[in-house]
Amino acid sequence: YKYINETTSRVPISDWHHTDSGKWVGFRARSVIGGYWM
């Protein structure tokens, strides 16, 4: 939740990001984000 609200990356929610900085690594707006609704 903190990552989603505070990331400075300007891409749709990424499921792959650095946990220490919140910076986006490579994926964006993938269908796996449906897992957020598990």
PDB file of all heavy atoms in Angstrom:
ATOM      1  N   TYR A   1       0.837  -1.197   0.000  1.00  0.00           N
ATOM      2  CA  TYR A   1       0.000   0.000   0.000  1.00  0.00           C
ATOM      3  C   TYR A   1       0.877   1.254   0.000  1.00  0.00           C
ATOM      4  O   TYR A   1       0.631   2.202  -0.751  1.00  0.00           O
ATOM      5  CB  TYR A   1      -0.917  -0.027   1.221  1.00  0.00           C
ATOM      6  CG  TYR A   1      -1.856   1.144   1.322  1.00  0.00           C
ATOM      7  CD1 TYR A   1      -3.076   1.126   0.660  1.00  0.00           C
ATOM      8  CD2 TYR A   1      -1.529   2.264   2.090  1.00  0.00           C
ATOM      9  CE1 TYR A   1      -3.945   2.206   0.738  1.00  0.00           C
ATOM     10  CE2 TYR A   1      -2.388   3.340   2.180  1.00  0.00           C
ATOM     11  CZ  TYR A   1      -3.594   3.307   1.509  1.00  0.00           C
ATOM     12  OH  TYR A   1      -4.440   4.380   1.591  1.00  0.00           O
ATOM     13  N   LYS A   2       1.921   1.226   0.814  1.00  0.00           N
ATOM     14  CA  LYS A   2       2.852   2.364   0.884  1.00  0.00           C
ATOM     15  C   LYS A   2       3.515   2.584  -0.478  1.00  0.00           C
ATOM     16  O   LYS A   2       3.600   3.713  -0.961  1.00  0.00           O
ATOM     17  CB  LYS A   2       3.896   2.121   1.969  1.00  0.00           C
ATOM     18  CG  LYS A   2       4.909   3.234   2.124  1.00  0.00           C
ATOM     19  CD  LYS A   2       5.850   2.921   3.278  1.00  0.00           C
ATOM     20  CE  LYS A   2       6.984   3.892   3.417  1.00  0.00           C
ATOM     21  NZ  LYS A   2       6.636   5.260   3.625  1.00  0.00           N
ATOM     22  N   TYR A   3       3.959   1.511  -1.104  1.00  0.00           N
ATOM     23  CA  TYR A   3       4.583   1.615  -2.426  1.00  0.00           C
ATOM     24  C   TYR A   3       3.626   2.251  -3.433  1.00  0.00           C
ATOM     25  O   TYR A   3       3.990   3.189  -4.150  1.00  0.00           O
ATOM     26  CB  TYR A   3       5.044   0.248  -2.931  1.00  0.00           C
ATOM     27  CG  TYR A   3       5.124   0.159  -4.434  1.00  0.00           C
ATOM     28  CD1 TYR A   3       6.105   0.860  -5.131  1.00  0.00           C
ATOM     29  CD2 TYR A   3       4.211  -0.585  -5.162  1.00  0.00           C
ATOM     30  CE1 TYR A   3       6.175   0.808  -6.516  1.00  0.00           C
ATOM     31  CE2 TYR A   3       4.267  -0.641  -6.541  1.00  0.00           C
ATOM     32  CZ  TYR A   3       5.242   0.050  -7.214  1.00  0.00           C
ATOM     33  OH  TYR A   3       5.298   0.009  -8.581  1.00  0.00           O
ATOM     34  N   ILE A   4       2.406   1.757  -3.490  1.00  0.00           N
ATOM     35  CA  ILE A   4       1.436   2.254  -4.473  1.00  0.00           C
ATOM     36  C   ILE A   4       1.152   3.739  -4.253  1.00  0.00           C
ATOM     37  O   ILE A   4       1.033   4.503  -5.209  1.00  0.00           O
ATOM     38  CB  ILE A   4       0.143   1.423  -4.429  1.00  0.00           C
ATOM     39  CG1 ILE A   4       0.417   0.001  -4.956  1.00  0.00           C
ATOM     40  CG2 ILE A   4      -0.969   2.091  -5.230  1.00  0.00           C
ATOM     41  CD1 ILE A   4      -0.709  -0.968  -4.711  1.00  0.00           C
ATOM     42  N   ASN A   5       1.059   4.150  -3.017  1.00  0.00           N
ATOM     43  CA  ASN A   5       0.733   5.541  -2.716  1.00  0.00           C
ATOM     44  C   ASN A   5       1.917   6.492  -2.809  1.00  0.00           C
ATOM     45  O   ASN A   5       1.728   7.694  -3.014  1.00  0.00           O
ATOM     46  CB  ASN A   5       0.096   5.656  -1.328  1.00  0.00           C
ATOM     47  CG  ASN A   5      -1.346   5.249  -1.360  1.00  0.00           C
ATOM     48  OD1 ASN A   5      -2.119   5.752  -2.155  1.00  0.00           O
ATOM     49  ND2 ASN A   5      -1.698   4.330  -0.495  1.00  0.00           N
ATOM     50  N   GLU A   6       3.131   5.984  -2.640  1.00  0.00           N
ATOM     51  CA  GLU A   6       4.284   6.879  -2.547  1.00  0.00           C
ATOM     52  C   GLU A   6       5.311   6.736  -3.657  1.00  0.00           C
ATOM     53  O   GLU A   6       6.254   7.517  -3.710  1.00  0.00           O
ATOM     54  CB  GLU A   6       4.970   6.680  -1.194  1.00  0.00           C
ATOM     55  CG  GLU A   6       4.085   7.037  -0.022  1.00  0.00           C
ATOM     56  CD  GLU A   6       4.759   6.836   1.316  1.00  0.00           C
ATOM     57  OE1 GLU A   6       5.991   6.601   1.352  1.00  0.00           O
ATOM     58  OE2 GLU A   6       4.046   6.905   2.338  1.00  0.00           O
ATOM     59  N   THR A   7       5.147   5.781  -4.552  1.00  0.00           N
ATOM     60  CA  THR A   7       6.149   5.614  -5.603  1.00  0.00           C
ATOM     61  C   THR A   7       6.217   6.859  -6.480  1.00  0.00           C
ATOM     62  O   THR A   7       5.209   7.521  -6.720  1.00  0.00           O
ATOM     63  CB  THR A   7       5.860   4.375  -6.471  1.00  0.00           C
ATOM     64  OG1 THR A   7       6.932   4.216  -7.403  1.00  0.00           O
ATOM     65  CG2 THR A   7       4.554   4.494  -7.228  1.00  0.00           C
ATOM     66  N   THR A   8       7.416   7.154  -6.924  1.00  0.00           N
ATOM     67  CA  THR A   8       7.596   8.284  -7.837  1.00  0.00           C
ATOM     68  C   THR A   8       7.575   7.827  -9.295  1.00  0.00           C
ATOM     69  O   THR A   8       7.608   8.652 -10.194  1.00  0.00           O
ATOM     70  CB  THR A   8       8.922   9.008  -7.557  1.00  0.00           C
ATOM     71  OG1 THR A   8      10.006   8.076  -7.685  1.00  0.00           O
ATOM     72  CG2 THR A   8       8.930   9.604  -6.162  1.00  0.00           C
ATOM     73  N   SER A   9       7.527   6.514  -9.501  1.00  0.00           N
ATOM     74  CA  SER A   9       7.448   5.989 -10.863  1.00  0.00           C
ATOM     75  C   SER A   9       6.129   6.412 -11.498  1.00  0.00           C
ATOM     76  O   SER A   9       5.076   6.300 -10.873  1.00  0.00           O
ATOM     77  CB  SER A   9       7.547   4.458 -10.862  1.00  0.00           C
ATOM     78  OG  SER A   9       8.802   4.050 -10.385  1.00  0.00           O
ATOM     79  N   ARG A  10       6.184   6.859 -12.724  1.00  0.00           N
ATOM     80  CA  ARG A  10       4.999   7.359 -13.406  1.00  0.00           C
ATOM     81  C   ARG A  10       4.464   6.334 -14.413  1.00  0.00           C
ATOM     82  O   ARG A  10       4.119   6.664 -15.535  1.00  0.00           O
ATOM     83  CB  ARG A  10       5.312   8.678 -14.101  1.00  0.00           C
ATOM     84  CG  ARG A  10       5.747   9.779 -13.145  1.00  0.00           C
ATOM     85  CD  ARG A  10       4.692  10.170 -12.149  1.00  0.00           C
ATOM     86  NE  ARG A  10       3.536  10.665 -12.868  1.00  0.00           N
ATOM     87  CZ  ARG A  10       2.310  10.674 -12.370  1.00  0.00           C
ATOM     88  NH1 ARG A  10       2.079  10.232 -11.168  1.00  0.00           N
ATOM     89  NH2 ARG A  10       1.313  11.125 -13.072  1.00  0.00           N
ATOM     90  N   VAL A  11       4.448   5.066 -14.008  1.00  0.00           N
ATOM     91  CA  VAL A  11       3.876   4.010 -14.836  1.00  0.00           C
ATOM     92  C   VAL A  11       2.719   3.403 -14.051  1.00  0.00           C
ATOM     93  O   VAL A  11       2.670   3.505 -12.826  1.00  0.00           O
ATOM     94  CB  VAL A  11       4.915   2.915 -15.177  1.00  0.00           C
ATOM     95  CG1 VAL A  11       6.053   3.486 -15.992  1.00  0.00           C
ATOM     96  CG2 VAL A  11       5.434   2.225 -13.945  1.00  0.00           C
ATOM     97  N   PRO A  12       1.769   2.759 -14.751  1.00  0.00           N
ATOM     98  CA  PRO A  12       0.712   2.062 -14.002  1.00  0.00           C
ATOM     99  C   PRO A  12       1.336   1.066 -13.024  1.00  0.00           C
ATOM    100  O   PRO A  12       2.467   0.619 -13.224  1.00  0.00           O
ATOM    101  CB  PRO A  12      -0.074   1.350 -15.107  1.00  0.00           C
ATOM    102  CG  PRO A  12       0.167   2.178 -16.324  1.00  0.00           C
ATOM    103  CD  PRO A  12       1.584   2.671 -16.189  1.00  0.00           C
ATOM    104  N   ILE A  13       0.611   0.705 -12.012  1.00  0.00           N
ATOM    105  CA  ILE A  13       1.141  -0.141 -10.937  1.00  0.00           C
ATOM    106  C   ILE A  13       1.965  -1.295 -11.500  1.00  0.00           C
ATOM    107  O   ILE A  13       1.502  -2.062 -12.327  1.00  0.00           O
ATOM    108  CB  ILE A  13       0.013  -0.694 -10.057  1.00  0.00           C
ATOM    109  CG1 ILE A  13      -0.738   0.444  -9.376  1.00  0.00           C
ATOM    110  CG2 ILE A  13       0.566  -1.653  -9.006  1.00  0.00           C
ATOM    111  CD1 ILE A  13      -2.000  -0.009  -8.662  1.00  0.00           C
ATOM    112  N   SER A  14       3.173  -1.392 -11.028  1.00  0.00           N
ATOM    113  CA  SER A  14       4.076  -2.452 -11.455  1.00  0.00           C
ATOM    114  C   SER A  14       4.074  -3.573 -10.420  1.00  0.00           C
ATOM    115  O   SER A  14       4.039  -3.323  -9.227  1.00  0.00           O
ATOM    116  CB  SER A  14       5.492  -1.893 -11.597  1.00  0.00           C
ATOM    117  OG  SER A  14       6.403  -2.940 -11.864  1.00  0.00           O
ATOM    118  N   ASP A  15       4.123  -4.805 -10.895  1.00  0.00           N
ATOM    119  CA  ASP A  15       4.227  -5.932  -9.974  1.00  0.00           C
ATOM    120  C   ASP A  15       5.683  -6.295  -9.721  1.00  0.00           C
ATOM    121  O   ASP A  15       5.986  -7.222  -9.008  1.00  0.00           O
ATOM    122  CB  ASP A  15       3.454  -7.146 -10.500  1.00  0.00           C
ATOM    123  CG  ASP A  15       3.944  -7.635 -11.842  1.00  0.00           C
ATOM    124  OD1 ASP A  15       4.061  -6.787 -12.756  1.00  0.00           O
ATOM    125  OD2 ASP A  15       4.202  -8.846 -11.991  1.00  0.00           O
ATOM    126  N   TRP A  16       6.600  -5.534 -10.302  1.00  0.00           N
ATOM    127  CA  TRP A  16       8.028  -5.791 -10.123  1.00  0.00           C
ATOM    128  C   TRP A  16       8.711  -4.456  -9.856  1.00  0.00           C
ATOM    129  O   TRP A  16       8.824  -3.610 -10.732  1.00  0.00           O
ATOM    130  CB  TRP A  16       8.587  -6.444 -11.365  1.00  0.00           C
ATOM    131  CG  TRP A  16      10.018  -6.876 -11.296  1.00  0.00           C
ATOM    132  CD1 TRP A  16      10.784  -7.056 -10.180  1.00  0.00           C
ATOM    133  CD2 TRP A  16      10.853  -7.184 -12.406  1.00  0.00           C
ATOM    134  NE1 TRP A  16      12.042  -7.467 -10.513  1.00  0.00           N
ATOM    135  CE2 TRP A  16      12.115  -7.561 -11.889  1.00  0.00           C
ATOM    136  CE3 TRP A  16      10.676  -7.203 -13.766  1.00  0.00           C
ATOM    137  CZ2 TRP A  16      13.173  -7.930 -12.695  1.00  0.00           C
ATOM    138  CZ3 TRP A  16      11.736  -7.574 -14.571  1.00  0.00           C
ATOM    139  CH2 TRP A  16      12.959  -7.936 -14.039  1.00  0.00           C
ATOM    140  N   HIS A  17       9.135  -4.267  -8.624  1.00  0.00           N
ATOM    141  CA  HIS A  17       9.780  -3.018  -8.235  1.00  0.00           C
ATOM    142  C   HIS A  17      10.783  -3.295  -7.116  1.00  0.00           C
ATOM    143  O   HIS A  17      10.726  -4.321  -6.464  1.00  0.00           O
ATOM    144  CB  HIS A  17       8.744  -1.992  -7.769  1.00  0.00           C
ATOM    145  CG  HIS A  17       7.921  -2.457  -6.613  1.00  0.00           C
ATOM    146  ND1 HIS A  17       6.787  -3.221  -6.769  1.00  0.00           N
ATOM    147  CD2 HIS A  17       8.087  -2.299  -5.283  1.00  0.00           C
ATOM    148  CE1 HIS A  17       6.280  -3.503  -5.586  1.00  0.00           C
ATOM    149  NE2 HIS A  17       7.051  -2.960  -4.667  1.00  0.00           N
ATOM    150  N   HIS A  18      11.700  -2.357  -6.942  1.00  0.00           N
ATOM    151  CA  HIS A  18      12.679  -2.473  -5.862  1.00  0.00           C
ATOM    152  C   HIS A  18      11.978  -2.211  -4.528  1.00  0.00           C
ATOM    153  O   HIS A  18      11.304  -1.196  -4.369  1.00  0.00           O
ATOM    154  CB  HIS A  18      13.818  -1.461  -6.051  1.00  0.00           C
ATOM    155  CG  HIS A  18      14.671  -1.744  -7.238  1.00  0.00           C
ATOM    156  ND1 HIS A  18      15.617  -2.743  -7.252  1.00  0.00           N
ATOM    157  CD2 HIS A  18      14.707  -1.168  -8.462  1.00  0.00           C
ATOM    158  CE1 HIS A  18      16.216  -2.765  -8.427  1.00  0.00           C
ATOM    159  NE2 HIS A  18      15.673  -1.819  -9.183  1.00  0.00           N
ATOM    160  N   THR A  19      12.132  -3.116  -3.587  1.00  0.00           N
ATOM    161  CA  THR A  19      11.445  -2.967  -2.298  1.00  0.00           C
ATOM    162  C   THR A  19      12.088  -1.910  -1.411  1.00  0.00           C
ATOM    163  O   THR A  19      11.443  -1.387  -0.519  1.00  0.00           O
ATOM    164  CB  THR A  19      11.394  -4.302  -1.532  1.00  0.00           C
ATOM    165  OG1 THR A  19      12.728  -4.799  -1.352  1.00  0.00           O
ATOM    166  CG2 THR A  19      10.567  -5.321  -2.301  1.00  0.00           C
ATOM    167  N   ASP A  20      13.350  -1.591  -1.652  1.00  0.00           N
ATOM    168  CA  ASP A  20      14.004  -0.584  -0.814  1.00  0.00           C
ATOM    169  C   ASP A  20      13.750   0.844  -1.299  1.00  0.00           C
ATOM    170  O   ASP A  20      13.756   1.778  -0.518  1.00  0.00           O
ATOM    171  CB  ASP A  20      15.506  -0.846  -0.698  1.00  0.00           C
ATOM    172  CG  ASP A  20      16.216  -0.861  -2.046  1.00  0.00           C
ATOM    173  OD1 ASP A  20      15.553  -0.906  -3.104  1.00  0.00           O
ATOM    174  OD2 ASP A  20      17.466  -0.839  -2.038  1.00  0.00           O
ATOM    175  N   SER A  21      13.489   1.009  -2.597  1.00  0.00           N
ATOM    176  CA  SER A  21      13.300   2.355  -3.137  1.00  0.00           C
ATOM    177  C   SER A  21      11.919   2.576  -3.756  1.00  0.00           C
ATOM    178  O   SER A  21      11.517   3.710  -3.953  1.00  0.00           O
ATOM    179  CB  SER A  21      14.366   2.641  -4.203  1.00  0.00           C
ATOM    180  OG  SER A  21      14.145   1.812  -5.342  1.00  0.00           O
ATOM    181  N   GLY A  22      11.216   1.493  -4.089  1.00  0.00           N
ATOM    182  CA  GLY A  22       9.929   1.624  -4.770  1.00  0.00           C
ATOM    183  C   GLY A  22      10.051   1.934  -6.241  1.00  0.00           C
ATOM    184  O   GLY A  22       9.055   2.137  -6.929  1.00  0.00           O
ATOM    185  N   LYS A  23      11.279   1.931  -6.770  1.00  0.00           N
ATOM    186  CA  LYS A  23      11.468   2.249  -8.180  1.00  0.00           C
ATOM    187  C   LYS A  23      11.057   1.082  -9.064  1.00  0.00           C
ATOM    188  O   LYS A  23      11.331  -0.072  -8.771  1.00  0.00           O
ATOM    189  CB  LYS A  23      12.909   2.640  -8.455  1.00  0.00           C
ATOM    190  CG  LYS A  23      13.287   3.941  -7.773  1.00  0.00           C
ATOM    191  CD  LYS A  23      14.522   4.519  -8.374  1.00  0.00           C
ATOM    192  CE  LYS A  23      14.907   5.760  -7.609  1.00  0.00           C
ATOM    193  NZ  LYS A  23      14.458   6.963  -8.178  1.00  0.00           N
ATOM    194  N   TRP A  24      10.407   1.428 -10.138  1.00  0.00           N
ATOM    195  CA  TRP A  24       9.921   0.473 -11.127  1.00  0.00           C
ATOM    196  C   TRP A  24      11.099  -0.247 -11.771  1.00  0.00           C
ATOM    197  O   TRP A  24      12.129   0.359 -12.055  1.00  0.00           O
ATOM    198  CB  TRP A  24       9.115   1.267 -12.152  1.00  0.00           C
ATOM    199  CG  TRP A  24       8.762   0.566 -13.405  1.00  0.00           C
ATOM    200  CD1 TRP A  24       7.964  -0.532 -13.516  1.00  0.00           C
ATOM    201  CD2 TRP A  24       9.148   0.918 -14.727  1.00  0.00           C
ATOM    202  NE1 TRP A  24       7.825  -0.885 -14.833  1.00  0.00           N
ATOM    203  CE2 TRP A  24       8.560   0.001 -15.599  1.00  0.00           C
ATOM    204  CE3 TRP A  24       9.938   1.913 -15.256  1.00  0.00           C
ATOM    205  CZ2 TRP A  24       8.719   0.043 -16.971  1.00  0.00           C
ATOM    206  CZ3 TRP A  24      10.105   1.962 -16.626  1.00  0.00           C
ATOM    207  CH2 TRP A  24       9.500   1.041 -17.464  1.00  0.00           C
ATOM    208  N   VAL A  25      10.968  -1.555 -12.002  1.00  0.00           N
ATOM    209  CA  VAL A  25      12.032  -2.338 -12.612  1.00  0.00           C
ATOM    210  C   VAL A  25      11.754  -2.583 -14.089  1.00  0.00           C
ATOM    211  O   VAL A  25      12.587  -2.304 -14.936  1.00  0.00           O
ATOM    212  CB  VAL A  25      12.239  -3.686 -11.872  1.00  0.00           C
ATOM    213  CG1 VAL A  25      13.242  -4.559 -12.598  1.00  0.00           C
ATOM    214  CG2 VAL A  25      12.682  -3.439 -10.447  1.00  0.00           C
ATOM    215  N   GLY A  26      10.596  -3.139 -14.408  1.00  0.00           N
ATOM    216  CA  GLY A  26      10.399  -3.460 -15.814  1.00  0.00           C
ATOM    217  C   GLY A  26       8.975  -3.761 -16.230  1.00  0.00           C
ATOM    218  O   GLY A  26       8.603  -3.494 -17.354  1.00  0.00           O
ATOM    219  N   PHE A  27       8.190  -4.326 -15.368  1.00  0.00           N
ATOM    220  CA  PHE A  27       6.823  -4.663 -15.743  1.00  0.00           C
ATOM    221  C   PHE A  27       5.901  -3.488 -15.432  1.00  0.00           C
ATOM    222  O   PHE A  27       6.159  -2.716 -14.518  1.00  0.00           O
ATOM    223  CB  PHE A  27       6.313  -5.873 -14.962  1.00  0.00           C
ATOM    224  CG  PHE A  27       7.074  -7.146 -15.223  1.00  0.00           C
ATOM    225  CD1 PHE A  27       7.137  -8.123 -14.252  1.00  0.00           C
ATOM    226  CD2 PHE A  27       7.714  -7.380 -16.423  1.00  0.00           C
ATOM    227  CE1 PHE A  27       7.820  -9.310 -14.472  1.00  0.00           C
ATOM    228  CE2 PHE A  27       8.397  -8.562 -16.661  1.00  0.00           C
ATOM    229  CZ  PHE A  27       8.445  -9.527 -15.678  1.00  0.00           C
ATOM    230  N   ARG A  28       4.801  -3.398 -16.177  1.00  0.00           N
ATOM    231  CA  ARG A  28       3.814  -2.368 -15.878  1.00  0.00           C
ATOM    232  C   ARG A  28       2.458  -2.787 -16.429  1.00  0.00           C
ATOM    233  O   ARG A  28       2.358  -3.388 -17.487  1.00  0.00           O
ATOM    234  CB  ARG A  28       4.221  -1.020 -16.435  1.00  0.00           C
ATOM    235  CG  ARG A  28       4.308  -1.002 -17.929  1.00  0.00           C
ATOM    236  CD  ARG A  28       4.646   0.375 -18.429  1.00  0.00           C
ATOM    237  NE  ARG A  28       4.951   0.255 -19.843  1.00  0.00           N
ATOM    238  CZ  ARG A  28       5.816   0.984 -20.460  1.00  0.00           C
ATOM    239  NH1 ARG A  28       6.477   1.914 -19.825  1.00  0.00           N
ATOM    240  NH2 ARG A  28       6.030   0.819 -21.726  1.00  0.00           N
ATOM    241  N   ALA A  29       1.424  -2.463 -15.664  1.00  0.00           N
ATOM    242  CA  ALA A  29       0.032  -2.684 -16.073  1.00  0.00           C
ATOM    243  C   ALA A  29      -0.214  -4.092 -16.621  1.00  0.00           C
ATOM    244  O   ALA A  29      -0.914  -4.275 -17.605  1.00  0.00           O
ATOM    245  CB  ALA A  29      -0.393  -1.626 -17.087  1.00  0.00           C
ATOM    246  N   ARG A  30       0.361  -5.105 -15.971  1.00  0.00           N
ATOM    247  CA  ARG A  30       0.158  -6.481 -16.432  1.00  0.00           C
ATOM    248  C   ARG A  30      -1.081  -7.073 -15.783  1.00  0.00           C
ATOM    249  O   ARG A  30      -1.517  -6.646 -14.724  1.00  0.00           O
ATOM    250  CB  ARG A  30       1.376  -7.335 -16.076  1.00  0.00           C
ATOM    251  CG  ARG A  30       2.598  -6.875 -16.797  1.00  0.00           C
ATOM    252  CD  ARG A  30       3.856  -7.678 -16.554  1.00  0.00           C
ATOM    253  NE  ARG A  30       3.919  -8.505 -15.392  1.00  0.00           N
ATOM    254  CZ  ARG A  30       4.283  -9.789 -15.411  1.00  0.00           C
ATOM    255  NH1 ARG A  30       4.595 -10.384 -16.530  1.00  0.00           N
ATOM    256  NH2 ARG A  30       4.358 -10.474 -14.295  1.00  0.00           N
ATOM    257  N   SER A  31      -1.637  -8.071 -16.419  1.00  0.00           N
ATOM    258  CA  SER A  31      -2.861  -8.687 -15.905  1.00  0.00           C
ATOM    259  C   SER A  31      -2.664  -9.374 -14.561  1.00  0.00           C
ATOM    260  O   SER A  31      -3.640  -9.586 -13.840  1.00  0.00           O
ATOM    261  CB  SER A  31      -3.404  -9.691 -16.926  1.00  0.00           C
ATOM    262  OG  SER A  31      -2.446 -10.709 -17.174  1.00  0.00           O
ATOM    263  N   VAL A  32      -1.438  -9.697 -14.182  1.00  0.00           N
ATOM    264  CA  VAL A  32      -1.206 -10.346 -12.892  1.00  0.00           C
ATOM    265  C   VAL A  32      -1.620  -9.451 -11.734  1.00  0.00           C
ATOM    266  O   VAL A  32      -1.820  -9.936 -10.621  1.00  0.00           O
ATOM    267  CB  VAL A  32       0.259 -10.801 -12.710  1.00  0.00           C
ATOM    268  CG1 VAL A  32       0.629 -11.844 -13.746  1.00  0.00           C
ATOM    269  CG2 VAL A  32       1.216  -9.635 -12.739  1.00  0.00           C
ATOM    270  N   ILE A  33      -1.764  -8.160 -11.972  1.00  0.00           N
ATOM    271  CA  ILE A  33      -2.201  -7.246 -10.924  1.00  0.00           C
ATOM    272  C   ILE A  33      -3.596  -7.650 -10.443  1.00  0.00           C
ATOM    273  O   ILE A  33      -4.021  -7.280  -9.361  1.00  0.00           O
ATOM    274  CB  ILE A  33      -2.162  -5.778 -11.417  1.00  0.00           C
ATOM    275  CG1 ILE A  33      -0.719  -5.374 -11.717  1.00  0.00           C
ATOM    276  CG2 ILE A  33      -2.764  -4.824 -10.411  1.00  0.00           C
ATOM    277  CD1 ILE A  33       0.238  -5.487 -10.535  1.00  0.00           C
ATOM    278  N   GLY A  34      -4.298  -8.459 -11.213  1.00  0.00           N
ATOM    279  CA  GLY A  34      -5.568  -9.015 -10.746  1.00  0.00           C
ATOM    280  C   GLY A  34      -5.403  -9.757  -9.430  1.00  0.00           C
ATOM    281  O   GLY A  34      -6.346  -9.879  -8.648  1.00  0.00           O
ATOM    282  N   GLY A  35      -4.178 -10.237  -9.161  1.00  0.00           N
ATOM    283  CA  GLY A  35      -3.885 -10.892  -7.893  1.00  0.00           C
ATOM    284  C   GLY A  35      -4.102  -9.983  -6.696  1.00  0.00           C
ATOM    285  O   GLY A  35      -4.280 -10.446  -5.574  1.00  0.00           O
ATOM    286  N   TYR A  36      -4.099  -8.679  -6.932  1.00  0.00           N
ATOM    287  CA  TYR A  36      -4.362  -7.724  -5.850  1.00  0.00           C
ATOM    288  C   TYR A  36      -5.764  -7.929  -5.279  1.00  0.00           C
ATOM    289  O   TYR A  36      -6.043  -7.528  -4.167  1.00  0.00           O
ATOM    290  CB  TYR A  36      -4.245  -6.289  -6.355  1.00  0.00           C
ATOM    291  CG  TYR A  36      -2.838  -5.770  -6.517  1.00  0.00           C
ATOM    292  CD1 TYR A  36      -1.756  -6.611  -6.738  1.00  0.00           C
ATOM    293  CD2 TYR A  36      -2.596  -4.413  -6.457  1.00  0.00           C
ATOM    294  CE1 TYR A  36      -0.481  -6.115  -6.895  1.00  0.00           C
ATOM    295  CE2 TYR A  36      -1.314  -3.898  -6.617  1.00  0.00           C
ATOM    296  CZ  TYR A  36      -0.263  -4.758  -6.829  1.00  0.00           C
ATOM    297  OH  TYR A  36       0.994  -4.256  -6.981  1.00  0.00           O
ATOM    298  N   TRP A  37      -6.640  -8.543  -6.054  1.00  0.00           N
ATOM    299  CA  TRP A  37      -8.036  -8.745  -5.653  1.00  0.00           C
ATOM    300  C   TRP A  37      -8.274 -10.129  -5.051  1.00  0.00           C
ATOM    301  O   TRP A  37      -9.416 -10.525  -4.828  1.00  0.00           O
ATOM    302  CB  TRP A  37      -8.953  -8.516  -6.848  1.00  0.00           C
ATOM    303  CG  TRP A  37      -8.897  -7.092  -7.293  1.00  0.00           C
ATOM    304  CD1 TRP A  37      -8.109  -6.572  -8.276  1.00  0.00           C
ATOM    305  CD2 TRP A  37      -9.607  -6.001  -6.720  1.00  0.00           C
ATOM    306  NE1 TRP A  37      -8.304  -5.216  -8.351  1.00  0.00           N
ATOM    307  CE2 TRP A  37      -9.217  -4.838  -7.407  1.00  0.00           C
ATOM    308  CE3 TRP A  37     -10.548  -5.900  -5.684  1.00  0.00           C
ATOM    309  CZ2 TRP A  37      -9.737  -3.589  -7.093  1.00  0.00           C
ATOM    310  CZ3 TRP A  37     -11.054  -4.650  -5.392  1.00  0.00           C
ATOM    311  CH2 TRP A  37     -10.653  -3.512  -6.086  1.00  0.00           C
ATOM    312  N   MET A  38      -7.210 -10.867  -4.758  1.00  0.00           N
ATOM    313  CA  MET A  38      -7.362 -12.228  -4.239  1.00  0.00           C
ATOM    314  C   MET A  38      -8.159 -12.273  -2.938  1.00  0.00           C
ATOM    315  O   MET A  38      -8.951 -13.169  -2.726  1.00  0.00           O
ATOM    316  CB  MET A  38      -5.991 -12.880  -4.049  1.00  0.00           C
ATOM    317  CG  MET A  38      -6.065 -14.326  -3.594  1.00  0.00           C
ATOM    318  SD  MET A  38      -7.174 -15.399  -4.555  1.00  0.00           S
ATOM    319  CE  MET A  38      -6.474 -15.299  -6.160  1.00  0.00           C
TER     320      MET A  38
END
